[in-house]
Amino acid sequence: MKVIVYQFLLRGELVELEDEKIADCYPSISDKGSYFFQLIDGSRFRGENVKQVIRDSASLMRYQLSN
């Protein structure tokens, strides 16, 4: 099974998110390679150096958003 994930830096840490967890994603106009994400749970943040990766199977790192 193919899985689409987004890899990016969030607060200096490497993060991977499955495509199905993302409600909206759009590029930042002020910083090349950065995107704004909104997850289906309502969380919002900006990722830097964003890459889209297609994998056969995923063992994903979990993301933690600390407020």
Protein backbone atom coordinates (compact mmCIF):
# COMPACT_ATOMS: atom_id res chain seq x y z
CA MET A 1 0.00 0.00 0.00
CA LYS A 2 1.32 3.44 -0.94
CA VAL A 3 1.28 6.15 1.71
CA ILE A 4 1.80 9.88 1.08
CA VAL A 5 3.57 11.70 3.89
CA TYR A 6 4.82 15.25 4.34
CA GLN A 7 8.26 15.68 5.91
CA PHE A 8 9.20 19.04 7.37
CA LEU A 9 10.84 20.91 10.21
CA LEU A 10 8.58 22.08 13.02
CA ARG A 11 10.30 24.14 15.71
CA GLY A 12 13.63 22.62 14.62
CA GLU A 13 12.49 18.97 14.77
CA LEU A 14 11.85 16.65 11.83
CA VAL A 15 8.16 15.73 11.57
CA GLU A 16 6.23 13.42 9.25
CA LEU A 17 2.47 13.62 8.72
CA GLU A 18 0.23 11.30 6.74
CA ASP A 19 -1.72 13.05 3.99
CA GLU A 20 -5.03 11.83 5.43
CA LYS A 21 -4.50 13.81 8.67
CA ILE A 22 -4.21 17.13 6.82
CA ALA A 23 -7.37 19.18 6.23
CA ASP A 24 -5.63 22.05 4.40
CA CYS A 25 -2.12 22.92 3.25
CA TYR A 26 -0.92 26.00 1.37
CA PRO A 27 2.47 27.61 0.68
CA SER A 28 3.86 30.56 2.58
CA ILE A 29 4.38 33.61 0.37
CA SER A 30 7.15 34.95 2.60
CA ASP A 31 9.42 31.90 2.92
CA LYS A 32 10.21 29.51 0.06
CA GLY A 33 9.74 25.85 1.06
CA SER A 34 7.44 26.65 3.98
CA TYR A 35 3.78 25.65 4.13
CA PHE A 36 0.91 26.31 6.48
CA PHE A 37 -0.93 23.19 7.65
CA GLN A 38 -4.31 22.71 9.27
CA LEU A 39 -5.02 19.23 10.56
CA ILE A 40 -8.41 17.55 10.72
CA ASP A 41 -8.33 18.02 14.52
CA GLY A 42 -8.10 21.83 14.03
CA SER A 43 -4.38 22.23 14.89
CA ARG A 44 -2.53 24.84 12.79
CA PHE A 45 1.17 25.40 12.26
CA ARG A 46 3.84 26.27 9.71
CA GLY A 47 6.33 23.68 8.49
CA GLU A 48 9.69 24.55 6.95
CA ASN A 49 11.58 22.69 4.18
CA VAL A 50 8.44 20.72 3.30
CA LYS A 51 8.78 17.61 1.13
CA GLN A 52 6.08 15.24 -0.09
CA VAL A 53 7.17 11.58 0.01
CA ILE A 54 5.42 8.46 -1.32
CA ARG A 55 6.26 5.25 0.57
CA ASP A 56 5.28 1.63 0.31
CA SER A 57 4.66 1.46 4.03
CA ALA A 58 5.13 4.06 6.70
CA SER A 59 6.54 3.95 10.17
CA LEU A 60 5.80 7.54 10.99
CA MET A 61 7.22 9.73 13.70
CA ARG A 62 4.49 11.14 15.90
CA TYR A 63 4.04 14.86 16.15
CA GLN A 64 3.50 16.69 19.41
CA LEU A 65 2.26 20.25 19.51
CA SER A 66 3.08 21.86 22.82
CA ASN A 67 1.28 25.09 23.58
